[in-house]
Amino acid sequence: MGFLSILKGAFAELFRNPILFLPKMISVTIWLLPYLYLLQQAKFDMASATLSQGTLLATGAILLMSPLWVVIDSMYPVLVEQQRRKKRLDFRKALDHVLGRFVKIFGLFLIVLVGSTLLTLPFIALVAYGMVFLDVCLAAVGMAGIAAVIIAGGIALYFTPTSLILERIGIMDSFGTGLKMAQQNFGLVFWLTLASFFFLALAFLLEDSFGQLGVIGFVLGRYAGGIITVYTYVVNPTAYIDVRKRR
């Protein structure tokens, strides 16, 4: 399958099985109240130029709930593989599969989070320095550096989480497997990564646009963004399974 075939195949899969949206919609629903509370507290803090206890508590609650978010999102590669192999979906088995590998999956999530933060920090500092001292060139270099790290990391790690979820391998092996598959299929992975960033940016823009309409708009935006995000979650394992088949 080529780039466009994978995009079409993922869309067709969601059209045939709209129930695939269910896990992400549950995830969005769970996070609505904490995010709504954080949104209201952030507005209050901006108006009063303070950092309230409510903001800290809401942020802490969201961070503590992050493992649940990782579990739900990690079900998608398993669900796509189920559909490919058995032509049916079993959400309970997908959940059990992810829970059985949760320590490794969450460990990978933390490694990527910390690594990406450390790599982008110098460029974030450049952007901040440029904004404070009104140095447009320095800020532009910082923004370009952040973009380069994100795109390069996205390409190199495109198949890493999916390989860890679907294969019986460890965290370090998943980095090697994902990188090797990305190198062998660089053109495909490059365009899939850009497509993923495009759809995720679109989801963010929808959420932000709807959010301007108030609480109801914020809720609608979260669900609209979730729907688009699910598409990227189906595209990735669709490509992975196809590439693995041809290895």
Protein backbone atom coordinates (compact mmCIF):
# COMPACT_ATOMS: atom_id res chain seq x y z
CA MET A 1 0.00 0.00 0.00
CA GLY A 2 1.19 3.47 -0.84
CA PHE A 3 0.71 6.72 1.09
CA LEU A 4 -2.70 7.57 -0.38
CA SER A 5 -3.88 3.96 -0.18
CA ILE A 6 -3.12 3.87 3.54
CA LEU A 7 -5.01 7.12 4.14
CA LYS A 8 -7.97 5.84 2.15
CA GLY A 9 -7.82 2.45 3.85
CA ALA A 10 -7.92 4.02 7.32
CA PHE A 11 -10.88 6.19 6.32
CA ALA A 12 -12.69 3.18 4.90
CA GLU A 13 -12.01 1.23 8.11
CA LEU A 14 -13.58 3.96 10.23
CA PHE A 15 -16.52 4.21 7.83
CA ARG A 16 -17.13 0.45 8.11
CA ASN A 17 -16.59 0.39 11.88
CA PRO A 18 -17.59 3.75 13.40
CA ILE A 19 -17.54 1.98 16.78
CA LEU A 20 -13.76 2.51 16.62
CA PHE A 21 -14.45 6.07 17.74
CA LEU A 22 -15.88 4.78 21.04
CA PRO A 23 -12.65 4.46 23.12
CA LYS A 24 -11.50 7.98 22.23
CA MET A 25 -14.95 9.44 22.85
CA ILE A 26 -14.91 7.84 26.30
CA SER A 27 -11.45 9.35 26.86
CA VAL A 28 -12.64 12.81 25.78
CA THR A 29 -15.65 12.55 28.11
CA ILE A 30 -13.50 11.56 31.09
CA TRP A 31 -11.25 14.58 30.59
CA LEU A 32 -14.00 17.14 29.96
CA LEU A 33 -14.56 18.22 33.56
CA PRO A 34 -10.87 18.61 34.52
CA TYR A 35 -10.16 20.56 31.34
CA LEU A 36 -13.25 22.74 31.74
CA TYR A 37 -12.26 23.53 35.31
CA LEU A 38 -8.68 24.26 34.25
CA LEU A 39 -9.95 26.52 31.46
CA GLN A 40 -12.06 28.56 33.87
CA GLN A 41 -9.22 28.79 36.41
CA ALA A 42 -6.76 29.86 33.71
CA LYS A 43 -9.05 32.72 32.70
CA PHE A 44 -9.28 33.82 36.32
CA ASP A 45 -5.50 33.60 36.75
CA MET A 46 -4.85 35.63 33.60
CA ALA A 47 -7.25 38.33 34.76
CA SER A 48 -5.68 38.54 38.21
CA ALA A 49 -2.08 37.77 37.10
CA THR A 50 -1.82 34.97 39.65
CA LEU A 51 -1.39 31.20 39.75
CA SER A 52 -4.25 29.84 41.84
CA GLN A 53 -4.38 26.62 43.83
CA GLY A 54 -7.30 25.53 41.67
CA THR A 55 -5.12 25.68 38.55
CA LEU A 56 -2.43 23.61 40.22
CA LEU A 57 -4.97 21.03 41.43
CA ALA A 58 -6.59 20.73 37.99
CA THR A 59 -3.19 20.36 36.32
CA GLY A 60 -2.18 17.75 38.88
CA ALA A 61 -5.42 15.81 38.33
CA ILE A 62 -4.86 15.76 34.57
CA LEU A 63 -1.29 14.52 35.03
CA LEU A 64 -2.42 11.79 37.43
CA MET A 65 -5.01 10.67 34.88
CA SER A 66 -2.46 10.46 32.06
CA PRO A 67 -1.93 6.67 32.43
CA LEU A 68 -5.61 6.15 31.58
CA TRP A 69 -5.17 8.28 28.46
CA VAL A 70 -2.14 6.17 27.45
CA VAL A 71 -4.12 2.94 27.95
CA ILE A 72 -7.09 4.06 25.85
CA ASP A 73 -5.01 5.44 22.99
CA SER A 74 -2.80 2.32 22.97
CA MET A 75 -5.82 0.13 22.23
CA TYR A 76 -6.02 1.33 18.63
CA PRO A 77 -3.14 -0.70 17.15
CA VAL A 78 -4.62 -3.82 18.74
CA LEU A 79 -8.11 -3.04 17.41
CA VAL A 80 -6.82 -2.46 13.88
CA GLU A 81 -4.87 -5.72 13.98
CA GLN A 82 -7.94 -7.56 15.28
CA GLN A 83 -9.99 -6.29 12.37
CA ARG A 84 -7.29 -7.30 9.88
CA ARG A 85 -6.92 -10.83 11.31
CA LYS A 86 -10.37 -11.77 12.55
CA LYS A 87 -12.65 -9.25 10.85
CA ARG A 88 -14.16 -8.35 14.22
CA LEU A 89 -13.42 -6.08 17.16
CA ASP A 90 -13.04 -7.19 20.75
CA PHE A 91 -12.55 -4.17 23.01
CA ARG A 92 -12.14 -6.28 26.14
CA LYS A 93 -9.27 -8.28 24.64
CA ALA A 94 -7.68 -5.09 23.31
CA LEU A 95 -7.85 -3.57 26.78
CA ASP A 96 -6.42 -6.71 28.40
CA HIS A 97 -3.60 -6.74 25.84
CA VAL A 98 -2.64 -3.15 26.60
CA LEU A 99 -2.89 -3.62 30.37
CA GLY A 100 -0.61 -6.64 30.08
CA ARG A 101 2.06 -4.43 28.47
CA PHE A 102 1.20 -1.25 30.33
CA VAL A 103 4.49 -0.87 32.24
CA LYS A 104 6.50 -0.99 29.01
CA ILE A 105 4.07 1.24 27.12
CA PHE A 106 3.98 3.89 29.84
CA GLY A 107 7.74 3.61 30.25
CA LEU A 108 8.16 4.37 26.54
CA PHE A 109 5.76 7.30 26.89
CA LEU A 110 7.84 8.77 29.73
CA ILE A 111 11.15 8.25 27.90
CA VAL A 112 9.85 9.99 24.78
CA LEU A 113 8.30 12.80 26.85
CA VAL A 114 11.50 13.46 28.81
CA GLY A 115 13.74 13.07 25.76
CA SER A 116 11.70 15.42 23.58
CA THR A 117 11.56 17.97 26.40
CA LEU A 118 15.33 17.92 26.87
CA LEU A 119 15.97 18.23 23.12
CA THR A 120 13.57 21.15 22.64
CA LEU A 121 14.48 23.08 25.81
CA PRO A 122 17.47 24.93 24.25
CA PHE A 123 15.30 26.05 21.33
CA ILE A 124 12.45 27.05 23.66
CA ALA A 125 14.99 29.16 25.54
CA LEU A 126 16.02 30.82 22.28
CA VAL A 127 12.39 31.65 21.49
CA ALA A 128 11.84 33.06 24.98
CA TYR A 129 15.07 35.09 24.81
CA GLY A 130 14.14 36.41 21.37
CA MET A 131 10.67 37.46 22.52
CA VAL A 132 11.96 39.19 25.66
CA PHE A 133 14.69 41.11 23.81
CA LEU A 134 12.64 41.54 20.60
CA ASP A 135 15.17 39.57 18.55
CA VAL A 136 13.09 38.16 15.70
CA CYS A 137 15.96 36.20 14.13
CA LEU A 138 16.80 34.43 17.38
CA ALA A 139 13.15 33.57 17.98
CA ALA A 140 12.85 32.25 14.41
CA VAL A 141 15.92 30.03 14.88
CA GLY A 142 14.40 28.67 18.08
CA MET A 143 11.05 27.94 16.40
CA ALA A 144 12.81 26.28 13.47
CA GLY A 145 14.80 24.14 15.89
CA ILE A 146 11.67 23.05 17.73
CA ALA A 147 9.98 22.15 14.44
CA ALA A 148 13.04 20.20 13.27
CA VAL A 149 13.20 18.18 16.50
CA ILE A 150 9.48 17.40 16.39
CA ILE A 151 9.49 16.34 12.72
CA ALA A 152 12.71 14.31 12.98
CA GLY A 153 11.47 12.65 16.16
CA GLY A 154 8.09 11.95 14.61
CA ILE A 155 9.69 10.21 11.63
CA ALA A 156 12.21 8.21 13.66
CA LEU A 157 9.64 7.10 16.25
CA TYR A 158 6.63 6.76 13.95
CA PHE A 159 6.43 2.97 14.30
CA THR A 160 8.05 2.62 17.75
CA PRO A 161 4.94 2.71 19.99
CA THR A 162 2.99 0.43 17.65
CA SER A 163 5.81 -2.10 17.52
CA LEU A 164 5.98 -2.17 21.32
CA ILE A 165 2.21 -2.64 21.59
CA LEU A 166 1.85 -5.36 18.96
CA GLU A 167 5.12 -7.30 19.23
CA ARG A 168 6.66 -9.25 22.10
CA ILE A 169 9.64 -6.95 22.49
CA GLY A 170 11.08 -4.62 25.11
CA ILE A 171 11.32 -0.84 25.12
CA MET A 172 14.86 -0.66 23.75
CA ASP A 173 14.03 -3.22 21.05
CA SER A 174 11.00 -1.15 20.03
CA PHE A 175 13.26 1.84 19.36
CA GLY A 176 15.45 -0.32 17.11
CA THR A 177 12.50 -1.93 15.33
CA GLY A 178 10.70 1.36 14.78
CA LEU A 179 13.81 3.14 13.54
CA LYS A 180 14.72 0.32 11.15
CA MET A 181 11.21 0.22 9.68
CA ALA A 182 11.25 4.01 9.29
CA GLN A 183 14.64 3.91 7.53
CA GLN A 184 13.54 1.15 5.16
CA ASN A 185 10.33 3.03 4.30
CA PHE A 186 11.54 6.60 4.71
CA GLY A 187 9.45 8.17 1.93
CA LEU A 188 6.23 6.60 3.19
CA VAL A 189 6.94 7.42 6.83
CA PHE A 190 7.93 10.98 5.97
CA TRP A 191 4.61 11.72 4.31
CA LEU A 192 2.61 9.83 6.94
CA THR A 193 4.32 11.86 9.67
CA LEU A 194 3.52 15.14 7.92
CA ALA A 195 -0.07 13.97 7.40
CA SER A 196 -0.35 13.10 11.09
CA PHE A 197 0.94 16.54 12.12
CA PHE A 198 -1.51 18.14 9.69
CA PHE A 199 -4.50 16.28 11.12
CA LEU A 200 -3.42 16.88 14.71
CA ALA A 201 -2.98 20.60 13.95
CA LEU A 202 -6.43 20.58 12.37
CA ALA A 203 -7.85 18.95 15.51
CA PHE A 204 -6.18 21.62 17.65
CA LEU A 205 -7.51 24.43 15.45
CA LEU A 206 -11.03 23.00 15.60
CA GLU A 207 -10.87 22.78 19.38
CA ASP A 208 -9.57 26.33 19.62
CA SER A 209 -12.15 27.71 17.16
CA PHE A 210 -15.08 26.02 18.88
CA GLY A 211 -13.66 27.05 22.23
CA GLN A 212 -14.20 30.71 21.33
CA LEU A 213 -17.95 30.01 21.53
CA GLY A 214 -17.90 29.28 25.26
CA VAL A 215 -18.40 26.11 27.25
CA ILE A 216 -20.63 24.38 24.68
CA GLY A 217 -18.18 25.25 21.94
CA PHE A 218 -15.31 23.91 24.03
CA VAL A 219 -17.13 20.59 24.51
CA LEU A 220 -17.98 20.32 20.80
CA GLY A 221 -14.40 21.19 19.90
CA ARG A 222 -13.02 18.46 22.16
CA TYR A 223 -15.20 15.83 20.50
CA ALA A 224 -14.45 17.12 16.98
CA GLY A 225 -10.73 17.04 17.75
CA GLY A 226 -11.09 13.54 19.16
CA ILE A 227 -12.73 12.31 15.96
CA ILE A 228 -9.87 13.61 13.82
CA THR A 229 -7.29 12.19 16.24
CA VAL A 230 -8.83 8.72 15.94
CA TYR A 231 -8.16 8.85 12.21
CA THR A 232 -4.42 9.30 12.84
CA TYR A 233 -4.58 6.44 15.37
CA VAL A 234 -5.95 4.14 12.67
CA VAL A 235 -3.57 5.33 9.93
CA ASN A 236 -0.46 4.44 11.97
CA PRO A 237 -1.17 0.73 12.66
CA THR A 238 -2.62 0.33 9.17
CA ALA A 239 0.75 1.42 7.77
CA TYR A 240 2.68 -0.63 10.34
CA ILE A 241 0.84 -3.88 9.57
CA ASP A 242 1.32 -3.33 5.83
CA VAL A 243 5.05 -2.63 6.20
CA ARG A 244 5.51 -5.58 8.56
CA LYS A 245 3.83 -7.87 6.05
CA ARG A 246 6.32 -6.85 3.35
CA ARG A 247 9.46 -7.27 5.53
